Amino acid sequence: MSSAPLTDFPRPSLAVDTATFTVTGRGLEIVLVAEDIGFALPGTFVHERERLHDAVLRSLRHKAGITGREPEQLKVFDDPDRDPRGWVVTVAHLDVVPGSVVAEGLRGGSITLAPVGEVEADGGVRLPYDHPRVFGEALRRVREAYAEYPDPWGLLPSSFSLGDLQSLHESVAGEDLPRDTFRRAMKRQLETTGELTDGRRGRPSRLYRNPPSRSTRRA
């Protein structure tokens, strides 16, 4: 190992960016904040001697009005040309939140929600830097998790019908899912509550829940 002081080596700036998704009546949406360059993922530069986790929470609190969350680390994006302002490495994070979490930011005008299809589509929302790559990796991770587990980020109430669960999964997937195949895959991961829906939306349906032994968060 070289004995030269660390100040002899050039180093990048360190940043964090967070892809935060939620599900609304329009489907799966991404939280964006307004910057001078347009809409972007909430992010910030890491302060001296600040932990990544603390920088993420600070950026979400100050820029998006989001508190009380624990985003998971997604991936490091280190292309030296990813930011036209200079050499910046970002550690991207990921979260999927219920609508109540983004309500304050929406009321205050600090954030906007964009359907993921509008970000993916040509002529849609244009993200700066390499945020399209961050967004794409985060979206892939969310869709893979929901393809495997019933509700890995706990968006549904503690008890729910299979119809509610399928509606959630179709919002995340962005497409209709085969009813029988979906239910076979998910029912074996759930347990019944012994209760039924109130029938206000048609025939009463059996209610399910995630077993206590199974975390609602993806492993």
Protein backbone atom coordinates (compact mmCIF):
# COMPACT_ATOMS: atom_id res chain seq x y z
CA MET A 1 0.00 0.00 0.00
CA SER A 2 1.28 3.47 -0.86
CA SER A 3 2.49 5.61 2.03
CA ALA A 4 1.57 8.82 0.18
CA PRO A 5 -1.02 11.02 1.97
CA LEU A 6 -4.62 10.73 0.80
CA THR A 7 -4.56 14.35 -0.34
CA ASP A 8 -2.19 13.28 -3.13
CA PHE A 9 -4.98 11.32 -4.82
CA PRO A 10 -7.80 12.94 -6.79
CA ARG A 11 -11.20 11.95 -5.52
CA PRO A 12 -14.81 12.31 -6.69
CA SER A 13 -17.60 14.10 -4.91
CA LEU A 14 -20.01 11.70 -3.21
CA ALA A 15 -23.77 11.97 -3.58
CA VAL A 16 -26.93 10.00 -2.82
CA ASP A 17 -30.10 9.76 -4.92
CA THR A 18 -33.31 8.00 -3.97
CA ALA A 19 -35.89 6.43 -6.27
CA THR A 20 -39.15 6.51 -4.30
CA PHE A 21 -42.22 4.85 -5.79
CA THR A 22 -45.87 4.91 -4.76
CA VAL A 23 -49.10 3.50 -6.17
CA THR A 24 -52.03 5.79 -7.01
CA GLY A 25 -55.15 5.54 -9.13
CA ARG A 26 -52.89 6.09 -12.14
CA GLY A 27 -50.71 3.10 -11.25
CA LEU A 28 -47.07 3.00 -10.17
CA GLU A 29 -45.52 6.48 -9.92
CA ILE A 30 -42.10 7.91 -9.11
CA VAL A 31 -41.44 10.85 -6.76
CA LEU A 32 -39.62 13.72 -8.49
CA VAL A 33 -38.43 17.10 -7.22
CA ALA A 34 -38.09 20.31 -9.21
CA GLU A 35 -34.49 21.40 -9.80
CA ASP A 36 -33.04 24.20 -11.94
CA ILE A 37 -32.41 21.62 -14.64
CA GLY A 38 -35.94 20.15 -14.49
CA PHE A 39 -37.40 17.23 -12.55
CA ALA A 40 -34.98 14.87 -10.84
CA LEU A 41 -34.80 12.16 -8.21
CA PRO A 42 -34.38 13.56 -4.68
CA GLY A 43 -30.69 13.63 -3.89
CA THR A 44 -27.87 15.55 -2.26
CA PHE A 45 -24.12 15.65 -1.80
CA VAL A 46 -22.86 13.86 1.28
CA HIS A 47 -21.53 16.26 3.90
CA GLU A 48 -18.12 15.86 5.55
CA ARG A 49 -18.15 12.84 7.90
CA GLU A 50 -21.85 12.20 7.21
CA ARG A 51 -23.12 8.65 6.84
CA LEU A 52 -24.86 7.72 3.58
CA HIS A 53 -28.01 6.76 5.49
CA ASP A 54 -28.18 10.18 7.13
CA ALA A 55 -27.63 11.97 3.83
CA VAL A 56 -30.51 10.01 2.26
CA LEU A 57 -32.90 10.86 5.09
CA ARG A 58 -31.81 14.50 5.00
CA SER A 59 -32.40 14.83 1.27
CA LEU A 60 -35.83 13.20 1.48
CA ARG A 61 -36.85 15.35 4.44
CA HIS A 62 -35.67 18.66 3.00
CA LYS A 63 -36.48 18.15 -0.68
CA ALA A 64 -39.50 15.83 -0.67
CA GLY A 65 -41.10 16.22 2.76
CA ILE A 66 -40.71 12.48 3.34
CA THR A 67 -39.86 11.29 6.85
CA GLY A 68 -39.99 8.08 8.86
CA ARG A 69 -38.66 5.82 6.11
CA GLU A 70 -35.64 3.51 5.77
CA PRO A 71 -34.77 3.33 2.05
CA GLU A 72 -32.59 0.42 1.02
CA GLN A 73 -29.31 0.81 -0.82
CA LEU A 74 -29.75 0.01 -4.49
CA LYS A 75 -26.49 0.40 -6.42
CA VAL A 76 -23.43 2.59 -6.85
CA PHE A 77 -23.33 4.60 -10.09
CA ASP A 78 -19.75 5.64 -10.80
CA ASP A 79 -19.45 6.57 -14.46
CA PRO A 80 -16.97 9.48 -14.37
CA ASP A 81 -19.10 11.31 -16.96
CA ARG A 82 -22.46 10.78 -15.26
CA ASP A 83 -22.67 14.40 -14.04
CA PRO A 84 -21.67 17.28 -16.35
CA ARG A 85 -20.70 19.37 -13.32
CA GLY A 86 -17.76 17.14 -12.51
CA TRP A 87 -16.69 13.76 -11.15
CA VAL A 88 -19.55 12.61 -8.92
CA VAL A 89 -20.19 9.11 -7.62
CA THR A 90 -23.72 8.50 -6.37
CA VAL A 91 -25.02 5.74 -4.11
CA ALA A 92 -28.60 5.19 -5.22
CA HIS A 93 -31.31 4.11 -2.78
CA LEU A 94 -34.81 2.71 -3.23
CA ASP A 95 -38.13 2.83 -1.41
CA VAL A 96 -41.80 2.09 -2.15
CA VAL A 97 -44.21 4.03 0.05
CA PRO A 98 -47.96 4.32 0.66
CA GLY A 99 -49.69 7.46 -0.56
CA SER A 100 -49.89 8.90 2.95
CA VAL A 101 -46.09 9.23 3.04
CA VAL A 102 -45.97 11.56 0.03
CA ALA A 103 -49.11 13.53 0.91
CA GLU A 104 -47.26 16.31 2.76
CA GLY A 105 -44.82 16.88 -0.07
CA LEU A 106 -47.65 16.99 -2.60
CA ARG A 107 -49.61 19.49 -0.52
CA GLY A 108 -46.56 21.69 -0.11
CA GLY A 109 -45.69 21.55 -3.78
CA SER A 110 -42.17 20.25 -3.12
CA ILE A 111 -42.66 17.08 -5.19
CA THR A 112 -44.55 15.80 -8.18
CA LEU A 113 -45.55 12.26 -9.08
CA ALA A 114 -44.92 10.91 -12.58
CA PRO A 115 -46.35 7.61 -13.86
CA VAL A 116 -43.45 5.29 -14.56
CA GLY A 117 -44.67 4.86 -18.13
CA GLU A 118 -44.17 8.56 -18.75
CA VAL A 119 -40.56 8.31 -17.59
CA GLU A 120 -39.92 5.22 -19.67
CA ALA A 121 -41.59 6.54 -22.84
CA ASP A 122 -39.96 8.58 -25.60
CA GLY A 123 -41.11 12.16 -25.31
CA GLY A 124 -42.01 11.70 -21.65
CA VAL A 125 -40.38 13.07 -18.51
CA ARG A 126 -36.66 13.65 -19.11
CA LEU A 127 -34.46 13.06 -16.08
CA PRO A 128 -31.01 14.69 -15.74
CA TYR A 129 -27.56 13.18 -15.21
CA ASP A 130 -27.82 9.38 -15.32
CA HIS A 131 -31.05 9.38 -13.32
CA PRO A 132 -32.75 7.39 -16.14
CA ARG A 133 -30.34 4.54 -15.34
CA VAL A 134 -31.01 4.87 -11.61
CA PHE A 135 -34.75 4.92 -12.28
CA GLY A 136 -34.54 1.90 -14.58
CA GLU A 137 -32.56 -0.18 -12.10
CA ALA A 138 -34.91 0.75 -9.26
CA LEU A 139 -38.01 -0.05 -11.30
CA ARG A 140 -36.58 -3.42 -12.29
CA ARG A 141 -35.86 -4.24 -8.64
CA VAL A 142 -39.39 -3.27 -7.53
CA ARG A 143 -41.08 -5.28 -10.26
CA GLU A 144 -38.94 -8.33 -9.59
CA ALA A 145 -39.76 -8.17 -5.88
CA TYR A 146 -43.50 -7.94 -6.48
CA ALA A 147 -43.35 -10.76 -9.03
CA GLU A 148 -42.00 -13.01 -6.27
CA TYR A 149 -43.62 -11.78 -3.04
CA PRO A 150 -47.18 -10.66 -2.17
CA ASP A 151 -46.49 -7.20 -0.77
CA PRO A 152 -42.77 -6.72 -0.01
CA TRP A 153 -43.09 -3.04 0.92
CA GLY A 154 -46.33 -3.38 2.90
CA LEU A 155 -48.55 -1.08 0.81
CA LEU A 156 -51.77 -2.96 1.60
CA PRO A 157 -53.62 -2.96 4.95
CA SER A 158 -52.93 -5.75 7.41
CA SER A 159 -55.75 -7.81 5.84
CA PHE A 160 -56.70 -7.75 2.17
CA SER A 161 -58.53 -9.70 -0.50
CA LEU A 162 -56.84 -11.46 -3.39
CA GLY A 163 -58.55 -8.95 -5.66
CA ASP A 164 -56.88 -6.08 -3.80
CA LEU A 165 -53.54 -7.87 -4.02
CA GLN A 166 -53.89 -8.48 -7.75
CA SER A 167 -54.84 -4.85 -8.37
CA LEU A 168 -51.67 -3.78 -6.56
CA HIS A 169 -49.51 -6.18 -8.55
CA GLU A 170 -51.02 -5.06 -11.85
CA SER A 171 -50.30 -1.43 -10.93
CA VAL A 172 -46.68 -2.32 -10.24
CA ALA A 173 -46.31 -4.52 -13.33
CA GLY A 174 -48.07 -2.05 -15.59
CA GLU A 175 -50.14 -4.80 -17.19
CA ASP A 176 -52.98 -7.24 -16.51
CA LEU A 177 -51.98 -10.53 -14.89
CA PRO A 178 -53.62 -13.96 -15.43
CA ARG A 179 -56.04 -14.33 -12.52
CA ASP A 180 -55.69 -18.05 -11.81
CA THR A 181 -51.91 -18.15 -12.22
CA PHE A 182 -51.49 -15.12 -9.99
CA ARG A 183 -53.68 -16.47 -7.23
CA ARG A 184 -51.97 -19.87 -7.19
CA ALA A 185 -48.58 -18.22 -6.85
CA MET A 186 -49.62 -15.84 -4.07
CA LYS A 187 -52.06 -17.89 -1.96
CA ARG A 188 -49.36 -20.29 -0.82
CA GLN A 189 -47.48 -17.36 0.71
CA LEU A 190 -50.51 -16.02 2.62
CA GLU A 191 -52.73 -17.14 5.45
CA THR A 192 -56.46 -16.53 5.81
CA THR A 193 -57.82 -14.30 8.54
CA GLY A 194 -61.07 -16.22 8.78
CA GLU A 195 -62.97 -13.06 7.81
CA LEU A 196 -64.71 -11.79 4.68
CA THR A 197 -64.98 -8.41 3.01
CA ASP A 198 -68.19 -6.48 3.68
CA GLY A 199 -69.46 -7.10 0.16
CA ARG A 200 -69.80 -3.43 -0.75
CA ARG A 201 -67.87 -4.06 -3.96
CA GLY A 202 -69.69 -7.24 -4.94
CA ARG A 203 -69.74 -10.69 -3.38
CA PRO A 204 -67.92 -11.02 -0.05
CA SER A 205 -64.35 -12.21 -0.52
CA ARG A 206 -62.02 -14.03 1.84
CA LEU A 207 -59.43 -11.84 3.56
CA TYR A 208 -55.74 -12.76 3.79
CA ARG A 209 -52.63 -11.49 5.51
CA ASN A 210 -48.91 -12.03 5.36
CA PRO A 211 -47.94 -14.65 7.98
CA PRO A 212 -46.29 -13.15 11.09
CA SER A 213 -43.18 -15.18 10.34
CA ARG A 214 -42.79 -13.54 6.92
CA SER A 215 -41.49 -9.98 6.77
CA THR A 216 -43.37 -7.66 4.45
CA ARG A 217 -40.00 -6.37 3.26
CA ARG A 218 -38.15 -8.17 0.53
CA ALA A 219 -35.24 -10.24 1.80
